[in-house]
Amino acid sequence: MHSWNLYVPLSRVPTFSRWLSVRHACTKLFVGGLCYDTNEAILKDAFGQHGEIVEVKVICDHVSGKSKGFGFVKFTSESAASTALKEMDGQLLDGRNIRVHYAHKG
């Protein structure tokens, strides 16, 4: 007969905020390789065909105000985000092939 140690240190148990960030990542996509002229309206239009969007953000340099070439799209559902990821990764947008991944906090 084996004696199983079921002790798990509290540091290894997911907290509610960690759970939320994991859930958050399932609906939020990172979009890289954007043309520097691509704005939030263009991004929303391109991704909006895959589901309802909560937020679109193109990341810009705080000094120059110019796009850094990446952004985020947050959907209302995990299924919409999943579909958008599959359909949009590698697609041409404003003359550039974009990369799409699930966003994560890092």
PDB file of N, CA and C in Angstrom:
ATOM      1  N   MET A   1       0.839  -1.179   0.000  1.00  0.00           N
ATOM      2  CA  MET A   1       0.000   0.000   0.000  1.00  0.00           C
ATOM      3  C   MET A   1       0.889   1.249   0.000  1.00  0.00           C
ATOM      4  N   HIS A   2       0.534   2.209  -0.851  1.00  0.00           N
ATOM      5  CA  HIS A   2       1.320   3.429  -0.960  1.00  0.00           C
ATOM      6  C   HIS A   2       0.728   4.514  -0.083  1.00  0.00           C
ATOM      7  N   SER A   3       1.587   5.332   0.424  1.00  0.00           N
ATOM      8  CA  SER A   3       1.154   6.498   1.177  1.00  0.00           C
ATOM      9  C   SER A   3       1.364   7.709   0.278  1.00  0.00           C
ATOM     10  N   TRP A   4       0.290   8.323  -0.125  1.00  0.00           N
ATOM     11  CA  TRP A   4       0.365   9.464  -1.034  1.00  0.00           C
ATOM     12  C   TRP A   4       0.401  10.754  -0.248  1.00  0.00           C
ATOM     13  N   ASN A   5       1.309  11.602  -0.591  1.00  0.00           N
ATOM     14  CA  ASN A   5       1.406  12.913   0.043  1.00  0.00           C
ATOM     15  C   ASN A   5       0.612  13.892  -0.814  1.00  0.00           C
ATOM     16  N   LEU A   6      -0.495  14.361  -0.308  1.00  0.00           N
ATOM     17  CA  LEU A   6      -1.352  15.277  -1.062  1.00  0.00           C
ATOM     18  C   LEU A   6      -1.097  16.734  -0.716  1.00  0.00           C
ATOM     19  N   TYR A   7      -0.018  16.979   0.018  1.00  0.00           N
ATOM     20  CA  TYR A   7       0.315  18.347   0.388  1.00  0.00           C
ATOM     21  C   TYR A   7       0.713  19.149  -0.854  1.00  0.00           C
ATOM     22  N   VAL A   8       0.091  20.288  -1.049  1.00  0.00           N
ATOM     23  CA  VAL A   8       0.445  21.205  -2.127  1.00  0.00           C
ATOM     24  C   VAL A   8       0.729  22.555  -1.490  1.00  0.00           C
ATOM     25  N   PRO A   9       1.929  23.093  -1.664  1.00  0.00           N
ATOM     26  CA  PRO A   9       2.217  24.395  -1.054  1.00  0.00           C
ATOM     27  C   PRO A   9       1.250  25.459  -1.567  1.00  0.00           C
ATOM     28  N   LEU A  10       0.873  26.359  -0.681  1.00  0.00           N
ATOM     29  CA  LEU A  10      -0.079  27.416  -1.065  1.00  0.00           C
ATOM     30  C   LEU A  10       0.432  28.245  -2.229  1.00  0.00           C
ATOM     31  N   SER A  11       1.744  28.358  -2.349  1.00  0.00           N
ATOM     32  CA  SER A  11       2.302  29.140  -3.455  1.00  0.00           C
ATOM     33  C   SER A  11       2.004  28.504  -4.814  1.00  0.00           C
ATOM     34  N   ARG A  12       1.652  27.209  -4.830  1.00  0.00           N
ATOM     35  CA  ARG A  12       1.368  26.508  -6.075  1.00  0.00           C
ATOM     36  C   ARG A  12      -0.130  26.439  -6.384  1.00  0.00           C
ATOM     37  N   VAL A  13      -0.964  26.861  -5.437  1.00  0.00           N
ATOM     38  CA  VAL A  13      -2.408  26.827  -5.636  1.00  0.00           C
ATOM     39  C   VAL A  13      -2.821  28.100  -6.368  1.00  0.00           C
ATOM     40  N   PRO A  14      -3.544  27.976  -7.480  1.00  0.00           N
ATOM     41  CA  PRO A  14      -3.936  29.182  -8.225  1.00  0.00           C
ATOM     42  C   PRO A  14      -4.840  30.092  -7.385  1.00  0.00           C
ATOM     43  N   THR A  15      -4.521  31.357  -7.397  1.00  0.00           N
ATOM     44  CA  THR A  15      -5.354  32.332  -6.701  1.00  0.00           C
ATOM     45  C   THR A  15      -6.484  32.762  -7.620  1.00  0.00           C
ATOM     46  N   PHE A  16      -7.455  33.433  -7.055  1.00  0.00           N
ATOM     47  CA  PHE A  16      -8.581  33.916  -7.859  1.00  0.00           C
ATOM     48  C   PHE A  16      -8.092  34.864  -8.943  1.00  0.00           C
ATOM     49  N   SER A  17      -7.147  35.756  -8.599  1.00  0.00           N
ATOM     50  CA  SER A  17      -6.649  36.713  -9.604  1.00  0.00           C
ATOM     51  C   SER A  17      -5.878  35.990 -10.705  1.00  0.00           C
ATOM     52  N   ARG A  18      -5.153  34.915 -10.353  1.00  0.00           N
ATOM     53  CA  ARG A  18      -4.449  34.130 -11.371  1.00  0.00           C
ATOM     54  C   ARG A  18      -5.463  33.446 -12.281  1.00  0.00           C
ATOM     55  N   TRP A  19      -6.516  32.911 -11.692  1.00  0.00           N
ATOM     56  CA  TRP A  19      -7.569  32.270 -12.469  1.00  0.00           C
ATOM     57  C   TRP A  19      -8.191  33.261 -13.439  1.00  0.00           C
ATOM     58  N   LEU A  20      -8.438  34.487 -12.954  1.00  0.00           N
ATOM     59  CA  LEU A  20      -9.018  35.510 -13.821  1.00  0.00           C
ATOM     60  C   LEU A  20      -8.082  35.847 -14.970  1.00  0.00           C
ATOM     61  N   SER A  21      -6.775  35.938 -14.706  1.00  0.00           N
ATOM     62  CA  SER A  21      -5.853  36.292 -15.786  1.00  0.00           C
ATOM     63  C   SER A  21      -5.778  35.169 -16.815  1.00  0.00           C
ATOM     64  N   VAL A  22      -5.915  33.916 -16.385  1.00  0.00           N
ATOM     65  CA  VAL A  22      -5.944  32.810 -17.324  1.00  0.00           C
ATOM     66  C   VAL A  22      -7.221  32.879 -18.150  1.00  0.00           C
ATOM     67  N   ARG A  23      -8.356  33.129 -17.509  1.00  0.00           N
ATOM     68  CA  ARG A  23      -9.623  33.269 -18.231  1.00  0.00           C
ATOM     69  C   ARG A  23      -9.553  34.453 -19.199  1.00  0.00           C
ATOM     70  N   HIS A  24      -8.963  35.546 -18.731  1.00  0.00           N
ATOM     71  CA  HIS A  24      -8.819  36.757 -19.537  1.00  0.00           C
ATOM     72  C   HIS A  24      -8.047  36.440 -20.815  1.00  0.00           C
ATOM     73  N   ALA A  25      -7.003  35.638 -20.671  1.00  0.00           N
ATOM     74  CA  ALA A  25      -6.161  35.307 -21.823  1.00  0.00           C
ATOM     75  C   ALA A  25      -6.914  34.497 -22.871  1.00  0.00           C
ATOM     76  N   CYS A  26      -7.995  33.829 -22.482  1.00  0.00           N
ATOM     77  CA  CYS A  26      -8.744  33.013 -23.434  1.00  0.00           C
ATOM     78  C   CYS A  26      -9.627  33.856 -24.348  1.00  0.00           C
ATOM     79  N   THR A  27      -9.852  35.104 -24.003  1.00  0.00           N
ATOM     80  CA  THR A  27     -10.681  35.978 -24.824  1.00  0.00           C
ATOM     81  C   THR A  27      -9.883  37.132 -25.442  1.00  0.00           C
ATOM     82  N   LYS A  28      -8.643  37.301 -25.024  1.00  0.00           N
ATOM     83  CA  LYS A  28      -7.818  38.414 -25.505  1.00  0.00           C
ATOM     84  C   LYS A  28      -6.704  37.878 -26.395  1.00  0.00           C
ATOM     85  N   LEU A  29      -6.595  38.477 -27.584  1.00  0.00           N
ATOM     86  CA  LEU A  29      -5.590  38.061 -28.553  1.00  0.00           C
ATOM     87  C   LEU A  29      -4.527  39.131 -28.741  1.00  0.00           C
ATOM     88  N   PHE A  30      -3.294  38.688 -28.897  1.00  0.00           N
ATOM     89  CA  PHE A  30      -2.177  39.547 -29.284  1.00  0.00           C
ATOM     90  C   PHE A  30      -2.099  39.504 -30.803  1.00  0.00           C
ATOM     91  N   VAL A  31      -1.954  40.665 -31.417  1.00  0.00           N
ATOM     92  CA  VAL A  31      -1.829  40.740 -32.876  1.00  0.00           C
ATOM     93  C   VAL A  31      -0.519  41.458 -33.194  1.00  0.00           C
ATOM     94  N   GLY A  32       0.410  40.731 -33.794  1.00  0.00           N
ATOM     95  CA  GLY A  32       1.716  41.288 -34.123  1.00  0.00           C
ATOM     96  C   GLY A  32       1.909  41.403 -35.621  1.00  0.00           C
ATOM     97  N   GLY A  33       2.958  42.130 -35.997  1.00  0.00           N
ATOM     98  CA  GLY A  33       3.280  42.297 -37.406  1.00  0.00           C
ATOM     99  C   GLY A  33       2.378  43.275 -38.123  1.00  0.00           C
ATOM    100  N   LEU A  34       1.749  44.168 -37.365  1.00  0.00           N
ATOM    101  CA  LEU A  34       0.842  45.143 -37.972  1.00  0.00           C
ATOM    102  C   LEU A  34       1.610  46.182 -38.770  1.00  0.00           C
ATOM    103  N   CYS A  35       1.006  46.626 -39.832  1.00  0.00           N
ATOM    104  CA  CYS A  35       1.501  47.781 -40.582  1.00  0.00           C
ATOM    105  C   CYS A  35       1.432  48.981 -39.629  1.00  0.00           C
ATOM    106  N   TYR A  36       2.412  49.864 -39.718  1.00  0.00           N
ATOM    107  CA  TYR A  36       2.422  51.011 -38.796  1.00  0.00           C
ATOM    108  C   TYR A  36       1.265  51.975 -39.035  1.00  0.00           C
ATOM    109  N   ASP A  37       0.572  51.821 -40.157  1.00  0.00           N
ATOM    110  CA  ASP A  37      -0.597  52.651 -40.449  1.00  0.00           C
ATOM    111  C   ASP A  37      -1.912  52.013 -39.990  1.00  0.00           C
ATOM    112  N   THR A  38      -1.863  50.763 -39.543  1.00  0.00           N
ATOM    113  CA  THR A  38      -3.091  50.084 -39.097  1.00  0.00           C
ATOM    114  C   THR A  38      -3.556  50.707 -37.789  1.00  0.00           C
ATOM    115  N   ASN A  39      -4.817  51.155 -37.785  1.00  0.00           N
ATOM    116  CA  ASN A  39      -5.367  51.759 -36.563  1.00  0.00           C
ATOM    117  C   ASN A  39      -6.410  50.824 -35.933  1.00  0.00           C
ATOM    118  N   GLU A  40      -6.984  51.254 -34.837  1.00  0.00           N
ATOM    119  CA  GLU A  40      -7.935  50.418 -34.097  1.00  0.00           C
ATOM    120  C   GLU A  40      -9.207  50.129 -34.893  1.00  0.00           C
ATOM    121  N   ALA A  41      -9.644  51.072 -35.707  1.00  0.00           N
ATOM    122  CA  ALA A  41     -10.849  50.855 -36.522  1.00  0.00           C
ATOM    123  C   ALA A  41     -10.617  49.746 -37.554  1.00  0.00           C
ATOM    124  N   ILE A  42      -9.450  49.751 -38.175  1.00  0.00           N
ATOM    125  CA  ILE A  42      -9.119  48.721 -39.162  1.00  0.00           C
ATOM    126  C   ILE A  42      -9.020  47.358 -38.487  1.00  0.00           C
ATOM    127  N   LEU A  43      -8.378  47.313 -37.328  1.00  0.00           N
ATOM    128  CA  LEU A  43      -8.228  46.070 -36.580  1.00  0.00           C
ATOM    129  C   LEU A  43      -9.586  45.528 -36.140  1.00  0.00           C
ATOM    130  N   LYS A  44     -10.440  46.420 -35.656  1.00  0.00           N
ATOM    131  CA  LYS A  44     -11.777  46.006 -35.216  1.00  0.00           C
ATOM    132  C   LYS A  44     -12.597  45.475 -36.396  1.00  0.00           C
ATOM    133  N   ASP A  45     -12.495  46.134 -37.514  1.00  0.00           N
ATOM    134  CA  ASP A  45     -13.233  45.706 -38.701  1.00  0.00           C
ATOM    135  C   ASP A  45     -12.766  44.317 -39.163  1.00  0.00           C
ATOM    136  N   ALA A  46     -11.459  44.106 -39.143  1.00  0.00           N
ATOM    137  CA  ALA A  46     -10.902  42.829 -39.606  1.00  0.00           C
ATOM    138  C   ALA A  46     -11.279  41.677 -38.673  1.00  0.00           C
ATOM    139  N   PHE A  47     -11.239  41.904 -37.369  1.00  0.00           N
ATOM    140  CA  PHE A  47     -11.501  40.840 -36.407  1.00  0.00           C
ATOM    141  C   PHE A  47     -12.977  40.726 -36.037  1.00  0.00           C
ATOM    142  N   GLY A  48     -13.739  41.783 -36.255  1.00  0.00           N
ATOM    143  CA  GLY A  48     -15.151  41.806 -35.873  1.00  0.00           C
ATOM    144  C   GLY A  48     -16.018  40.795 -36.589  1.00  0.00           C
ATOM    145  N   GLN A  49     -15.581  40.314 -37.723  1.00  0.00           N
ATOM    146  CA  GLN A  49     -16.352  39.315 -38.458  1.00  0.00           C
ATOM    147  C   GLN A  49     -16.353  37.968 -37.754  1.00  0.00           C
ATOM    148  N   HIS A  50     -15.517  37.797 -36.730  1.00  0.00           N
ATOM    149  CA  HIS A  50     -15.411  36.515 -36.029  1.00  0.00           C
ATOM    150  C   HIS A  50     -16.138  36.497 -34.688  1.00  0.00           C
ATOM    151  N   GLY A  51     -16.699  37.619 -34.291  1.00  0.00           N
ATOM    152  CA  GLY A  51     -17.447  37.659 -33.038  1.00  0.00           C
ATOM    153  C   GLY A  51     -17.480  39.050 -32.450  1.00  0.00           C
ATOM    154  N   GLU A  52     -18.222  39.175 -31.359  1.00  0.00           N
ATOM    155  CA  GLU A  52     -18.381  40.477 -30.709  1.00  0.00           C
ATOM    156  C   GLU A  52     -17.115  40.859 -29.955  1.00  0.00           C
ATOM    157  N   ILE A  53     -16.663  42.075 -30.210  1.00  0.00           N
ATOM    158  CA  ILE A  53     -15.421  42.583 -29.622  1.00  0.00           C
ATOM    159  C   ILE A  53     -15.732  43.520 -28.464  1.00  0.00           C
ATOM    160  N   VAL A  54     -14.962  43.360 -27.383  1.00  0.00           N
ATOM    161  CA  VAL A  54     -15.094  44.222 -26.208  1.00  0.00           C
ATOM    162  C   VAL A  54     -14.159  45.423 -26.324  1.00  0.00           C
ATOM    163  N   GLU A  55     -12.923  45.156 -26.795  1.00  0.00           N
ATOM    164  CA  GLU A  55     -11.910  46.219 -26.822  1.00  0.00           C
ATOM    165  C   GLU A  55     -10.862  45.922 -27.888  1.00  0.00           C
ATOM    166  N   VAL A  56     -10.395  46.981 -28.542  1.00  0.00           N
ATOM    167  CA  VAL A  56      -9.300  46.890 -29.501  1.00  0.00           C
ATOM    168  C   VAL A  56      -8.289  47.956 -29.120  1.00  0.00           C
ATOM    169  N   LYS A  57      -7.003  47.572 -29.110  1.00  0.00           N
ATOM    170  CA  LYS A  57      -5.967  48.536 -28.737  1.00  0.00           C
ATOM    171  C   LYS A  57      -4.743  48.321 -29.607  1.00  0.00           C
ATOM    172  N   VAL A  58      -4.335  49.360 -30.334  1.00  0.00           N
ATOM    173  CA  VAL A  58      -3.073  49.353 -31.058  1.00  0.00           C
ATOM    174  C   VAL A  58      -2.075  50.080 -30.156  1.00  0.00           C
ATOM    175  N   ILE A  59      -0.964  49.430 -29.864  1.00  0.00           N
ATOM    176  CA  ILE A  59       0.020  49.996 -28.940  1.00  0.00           C
ATOM    177  C   ILE A  59       0.906  50.994 -29.685  1.00  0.00           C
ATOM    178  N   CYS A  60       0.984  52.201 -29.116  1.00  0.00           N
ATOM    179  CA  CYS A  60       1.740  53.286 -29.733  1.00  0.00           C
ATOM    180  C   CYS A  60       2.850  53.768 -28.810  1.00  0.00           C
ATOM    181  N   ASP A  61       3.891  54.300 -29.416  1.00  0.00           N
ATOM    182  CA  ASP A  61       4.979  54.911 -28.660  1.00  0.00           C
ATOM    183  C   ASP A  61       4.448  56.145 -27.936  1.00  0.00           C
ATOM    184  N   HIS A  62       4.766  56.265 -26.660  1.00  0.00           N
ATOM    185  CA  HIS A  62       4.189  57.379 -25.885  1.00  0.00           C
ATOM    186  C   HIS A  62       4.792  58.739 -26.248  1.00  0.00           C
ATOM    187  N   VAL A  63       5.940  58.752 -26.867  1.00  0.00           N
ATOM    188  CA  VAL A  63       6.560  60.021 -27.255  1.00  0.00           C
ATOM    189  C   VAL A  63       6.118  60.445 -28.659  1.00  0.00           C
ATOM    190  N   SER A  64       6.300  59.542 -29.625  1.00  0.00           N
ATOM    191  CA  SER A  64       5.996  59.895 -31.023  1.00  0.00           C
ATOM    192  C   SER A  64       4.528  59.699 -31.377  1.00  0.00           C
ATOM    193  N   GLY A  65       3.836  58.825 -30.636  1.00  0.00           N
ATOM    194  CA  GLY A  65       2.444  58.525 -30.939  1.00  0.00           C
ATOM    195  C   GLY A  65       2.277  57.549 -32.097  1.00  0.00           C
ATOM    196  N   LYS A  66       3.388  57.063 -32.650  1.00  0.00           N
ATOM    197  CA  LYS A  66       3.329  56.118 -33.773  1.00  0.00           C
ATOM    198  C   LYS A  66       3.156  54.693 -33.273  1.00  0.00           C
ATOM    199  N   SER A  67       2.474  53.888 -34.075  1.00  0.00           N
ATOM    200  CA  SER A  67       2.237  52.487 -33.750  1.00  0.00           C
ATOM    201  C   SER A  67       3.546  51.742 -33.575  1.00  0.00           C
ATOM    202  N   LYS A  68       3.555  50.797 -32.631  1.00  0.00           N
ATOM    203  CA  LYS A  68       4.715  49.930 -32.434  1.00  0.00           C
ATOM    204  C   LYS A  68       4.590  48.644 -33.252  1.00  0.00           C
ATOM    205  N   GLY A  69       3.486  48.506 -34.002  1.00  0.00           N
ATOM    206  CA  GLY A  69       3.330  47.354 -34.868  1.00  0.00           C
ATOM    207  C   GLY A  69       2.648  46.153 -34.232  1.00  0.00           C
ATOM    208  N   PHE A  70       2.019  46.379 -33.070  1.00  0.00           N
ATOM    209  CA  PHE A  70       1.253  45.297 -32.458  1.00  0.00           C
ATOM    210  C   PHE A  70       0.086  45.866 -31.674  1.00  0.00           C
ATOM    211  N   GLY A  71      -0.844  44.982 -31.348  1.00  0.00           N
ATOM    212  CA  GLY A  71      -2.013  45.414 -30.602  1.00  0.00           C
ATOM    213  C   GLY A  71      -2.733  44.226 -29.997  1.00  0.00           C
ATOM    214  N   PHE A  72      -3.914  44.497 -29.445  1.00  0.00           N
ATOM    215  CA  PHE A  72      -4.707  43.484 -28.767  1.00  0.00           C
ATOM    216  C   PHE A  72      -6.168  43.608 -29.176  1.00  0.00           C
ATOM    217  N   VAL A  73      -6.829  42.463 -29.252  1.00  0.00           N
ATOM    218  CA  VAL A  73      -8.261  42.416 -29.534  1.00  0.00           C
ATOM    219  C   VAL A  73      -8.883  41.521 -28.477  1.00  0.00           C
ATOM    220  N   LYS A  74      -9.869  42.059 -27.755  1.00  0.00           N
ATOM    221  CA  LYS A  74     -10.536  41.280 -26.707  1.00  0.00           C
ATOM    222  C   LYS A  74     -11.977  41.002 -27.130  1.00  0.00           C
ATOM    223  N   PHE A  75     -12.333  39.725 -27.121  1.00  0.00           N
ATOM    224  CA  PHE A  75     -13.672  39.279 -27.512  1.00  0.00           C
ATOM    225  C   PHE A  75     -14.547  39.021 -26.281  1.00  0.00           C
ATOM    226  N   THR A  76     -15.855  38.961 -26.509  1.00  0.00           N
ATOM    227  CA  THR A  76     -16.775  38.657 -25.411  1.00  0.00           C
ATOM    228  C   THR A  76     -16.778  37.176 -25.070  1.00  0.00           C
ATOM    229  N   SER A  77     -16.355  36.329 -26.001  1.00  0.00           N
ATOM    230  CA  SER A  77     -16.398  34.888 -25.737  1.00  0.00           C
ATOM    231  C   SER A  77     -15.104  34.203 -26.148  1.00  0.00           C
ATOM    232  N   GLU A  78     -14.825  33.095 -25.483  1.00  0.00           N
ATOM    233  CA  GLU A  78     -13.651  32.297 -25.807  1.00  0.00           C
ATOM    234  C   GLU A  78     -13.771  31.692 -27.207  1.00  0.00           C
ATOM    235  N   SER A  79     -14.977  31.304 -27.587  1.00  0.00           N
ATOM    236  CA  SER A  79     -15.157  30.679 -28.904  1.00  0.00           C
ATOM    237  C   SER A  79     -14.879  31.676 -30.028  1.00  0.00           C
ATOM    238  N   ALA A  80     -15.297  32.923 -29.856  1.00  0.00           N
ATOM    239  CA  ALA A  80     -15.028  33.951 -30.868  1.00  0.00           C
ATOM    240  C   ALA A  80     -13.524  34.207 -30.975  1.00  0.00           C
ATOM    241  N   ALA A  81     -12.850  34.277 -29.831  1.00  0.00           N
ATOM    242  CA  ALA A  81     -11.402  34.495 -29.832  1.00  0.00           C
ATOM    243  C   ALA A  81     -10.688  33.330 -30.504  1.00  0.00           C
ATOM    244  N   SER A  82     -11.120  32.123 -30.214  1.00  0.00           N
ATOM    245  CA  SER A  82     -10.518  30.929 -30.803  1.00  0.00           C
ATOM    246  C   SER A  82     -10.690  30.911 -32.320  1.00  0.00           C
ATOM    247  N   THR A  83     -11.886  31.230 -32.772  1.00  0.00           N
ATOM    248  CA  THR A  83     -12.165  31.280 -34.212  1.00  0.00           C
ATOM    249  C   THR A  83     -11.309  32.348 -34.881  1.00  0.00           C
ATOM    250  N   ALA A  84     -11.241  33.532 -34.273  1.00  0.00           N
ATOM    251  CA  ALA A  84     -10.453  34.633 -34.837  1.00  0.00           C
ATOM    252  C   ALA A  84      -8.976  34.263 -34.914  1.00  0.00           C
ATOM    253  N   LEU A  85      -8.475  33.607 -33.893  1.00  0.00           N
ATOM    254  CA  LEU A  85      -7.080  33.197 -33.888  1.00  0.00           C
ATOM    255  C   LEU A  85      -6.806  32.253 -35.062  1.00  0.00           C
ATOM    256  N   LYS A  86      -7.660  31.250 -35.221  1.00  0.00           N
ATOM    257  CA  LYS A  86      -7.472  30.270 -36.298  1.00  0.00           C
ATOM    258  C   LYS A  86      -7.595  30.913 -37.679  1.00  0.00           C
ATOM    259  N   GLU A  87      -8.558  31.808 -37.832  1.00  0.00           N
ATOM    260  CA  GLU A  87      -8.831  32.399 -39.140  1.00  0.00           C
ATOM    261  C   GLU A  87      -7.883  33.540 -39.514  1.00  0.00           C
ATOM    262  N   MET A  88      -7.394  34.282 -38.522  1.00  0.00           N
ATOM    263  CA  MET A  88      -6.628  35.493 -38.813  1.00  0.00           C
ATOM    264  C   MET A  88      -5.114  35.321 -38.762  1.00  0.00           C
ATOM    265  N   ASP A  89      -4.617  34.317 -38.051  1.00  0.00           N
ATOM    266  CA  ASP A  89      -3.176  34.135 -37.948  1.00  0.00           C
ATOM    267  C   ASP A  89      -2.577  33.886 -39.335  1.00  0.00           C
ATOM    268  N   GLY A  90      -1.612  34.716 -39.700  1.00  0.00           N
ATOM    269  CA  GLY A  90      -0.952  34.586 -40.996  1.00  0.00           C
ATOM    270  C   GLY A  90      -1.640  35.302 -42.141  1.00  0.00           C
ATOM    271  N   GLN A  91      -2.801  35.901 -41.881  1.00  0.00           N
ATOM    272  CA  GLN A  91      -3.551  36.589 -42.939  1.00  0.00           C
ATOM    273  C   GLN A  91      -2.919  37.940 -43.270  1.00  0.00           C
ATOM    274  N   LEU A  92      -3.237  38.423 -44.448  1.00  0.00           N
ATOM    275  CA  LEU A  92      -2.766  39.719 -44.910  1.00  0.00           C
ATOM    276  C   LEU A  92      -3.697  40.813 -44.396  1.00  0.00           C
ATOM    277  N   LEU A  93      -3.119  41.806 -43.725  1.00  0.00           N
ATOM    278  CA  LEU A  93      -3.878  42.963 -43.247  1.00  0.00           C
ATOM    279  C   LEU A  93      -3.048  44.208 -43.523  1.00  0.00           C
ATOM    280  N   ASP A  94      -3.580  45.117 -44.294  1.00  0.00           N
ATOM    281  CA  ASP A  94      -2.854  46.344 -44.681  1.00  0.00           C
ATOM    282  C   ASP A  94      -1.487  46.028 -45.283  1.00  0.00           C
ATOM    283  N   GLY A  95      -1.432  44.967 -46.093  1.00  0.00           N
ATOM    284  CA  GLY A  95      -0.199  44.629 -46.782  1.00  0.00           C
ATOM    285  C   GLY A  95       0.821  43.839 -45.982  1.00  0.00           C
ATOM    286  N   ARG A  96       0.480  43.442 -44.756  1.00  0.00           N
ATOM    287  CA  ARG A  96       1.414  42.677 -43.914  1.00  0.00           C
ATOM    288  C   ARG A  96       0.749  41.394 -43.425  1.00  0.00           C
ATOM    289  N   ASN A  97       1.523  40.313 -43.352  1.00  0.00           N
ATOM    290  CA  ASN A  97       1.024  39.075 -42.761  1.00  0.00           C
ATOM    291  C   ASN A  97       1.109  39.202 -41.244  1.00  0.00           C
ATOM    292  N   ILE A  98      -0.038  39.154 -40.598  1.00  0.00           N
ATOM    293  CA  ILE A  98      -0.085  39.346 -39.146  1.00  0.00           C
ATOM    294  C   ILE A  98       0.083  38.021 -38.410  1.00  0.00           C
ATOM    295  N   ARG A  99       0.547  38.116 -37.176  1.00  0.00           N
ATOM    296  CA  ARG A  99       0.670  36.969 -36.281  1.00  0.00           C
ATOM    297  C   ARG A  99      -0.347  37.149 -35.163  1.00  0.00           C
ATOM    298  N   VAL A 100      -1.084  36.104 -34.867  1.00  0.00           N
ATOM    299  CA  VAL A 100      -2.108  36.170 -33.821  1.00  0.00           C
ATOM    300  C   VAL A 100      -1.864  35.051 -32.824  1.00  0.00           C
ATOM    301  N   HIS A 101      -1.840  35.425 -31.553  1.00  0.00           N
ATOM    302  CA  HIS A 101      -1.651  34.480 -30.448  1.00  0.00           C
ATOM    303  C   HIS A 101      -2.566  34.884 -29.303  1.00  0.00           C
ATOM    304  N   TYR A 102      -2.802  33.959 -28.378  1.00  0.00           N
ATOM    305  CA  TYR A 102      -3.499  34.341 -27.165  1.00  0.00           C
ATOM    306  C   TYR A 102      -2.586  35.276 -26.378  1.00  0.00           C
ATOM    307  N   ALA A 103      -3.166  36.333 -25.845  1.00  0.00           N
ATOM    308  CA  ALA A 103      -2.397  37.284 -25.021  1.00  0.00           C
ATOM    309  C   ALA A 103      -2.206  36.668 -23.642  1.00  0.00           C
ATOM    310  N   HIS A 104      -1.129  37.007 -23.014  1.00  0.00           N
ATOM    311  CA  HIS A 104      -0.878  36.550 -21.646  1.00  0.00           C
ATOM    312  C   HIS A 104      -0.132  37.623 -20.893  1.00  0.00           C
ATOM    313  N   LYS A 105      -0.312  37.624 -19.601  1.00  0.00           N
ATOM    314  CA  LYS A 105       0.410  38.577 -18.769  1.00  0.00           C
ATOM    315  C   LYS A 105       1.799  38.022 -18.533  1.00  0.00           C
ATOM    316  N   GLY A 106       2.790  38.871 -18.658  1.00  0.00           N
ATOM    317  CA  GLY A 106       4.150  38.372 -18.509  1.00  0.00           C
ATOM    318  C   GLY A 106       5.059  39.351 -17.867  1.00  0.00           C
TER     319      GLY A 106
END
